Amino acid sequence: MKTSSETTPVAAKICGLNDLSSLDAAVASGAAYVGLNFYPPSPRAVTPAQARELCGHVPQSVKKVGLFVDPDDRLLREVLDQVPLDLIQLHGSESPARVREIKALTKLPVLKAIKVANGADLDAAKAYDGVADMLLFDAKAPKDLADALPGGNGLIFDWNMLTGRHWQQPWMLAGGLDAGNVAQAVSIAGARAVDVSSGVEHRPGVKDPAAIKAFLDAVKAL
C-alpha cells in the first residue's frame, strides 16, 4: 500500500518569471506557483505594471507569488494596488513580528524564506513556526560570494539537514535545484514542494522555456 507521501504530488514553483513565453511554459507544464520578483537589484525584477500584465495570463488554479526583500509598507501597497497576488514571499531578514505586520497589512498568506548553511539556521526557523503560512528553505550565500542576491544564486545546501525536521506549516525546498537533481533533493529532504529560479535559466534573469518544462516534467515524475 502506498503512503500518503507517495501519492501526494510534489508542487513546483517557478520563480523570477519576467516574460510571457516563460510564464506560459510554467503554466502549461503544470507549475502550482509562479513567482514575480519585486526586488529591483535582481536581474529577474519586474515592475508592478509588468507584473500586472503577466498576471493576466495566469489561470486561477495557479498561485501568483510576489517576492519581496525587507519591503516597506509603501512598496507593498504600491504593488498590491496593481497586481492581484495570492501569496507574499519574504526573502529578506524580516522578523516574526514583521511577518505578522505584513500579513495584517496585505491580508494575504506569507511564505517566509529561511537561508540555510547549517543546523543553527534551521533552528532559527522555529521562530516563524505558526507565524508564517509557509516556509521556504534556501541556501545561504557565503559572505565572500561576489554580487550575491538574497536568493536565486544557484547554491545548494545539505538537504540531509532537513531529514526528520517538522514544522507546523507546509514548507518548500529551494537552492540550486534543476531537472537533474530535483528527484534526489526531494528524496533526501522529504520536500512536498520545490522552488526553482536560476536552474531554469539561460543566464541570470533570462528563463529558458525548455528548461522550465524539463524541470516540471521531472517533478511530475516523482
Foldseek 3Di string as FASTA:
>chain_A
DDDPLVVQFFAEEAELDQDQLQLVLLQVLHHQEYYAECDVVFLSHDDLVSQLVNQVPHDPSHFYEYEDEPDDLVVVCRNVVRHVGQEYEYLYDDALVNLQVVCVSNVHAYEYEQADADLVSVVVCQRCFVRHQEYEYEHDDDPPDPPDDSHDPLADHDLLSQPPDDGNHAYEYEHNDFLVCPVVSCVRNVHSYYYYYNRQAPDGNHGHSVRSSSNSVSSRVD
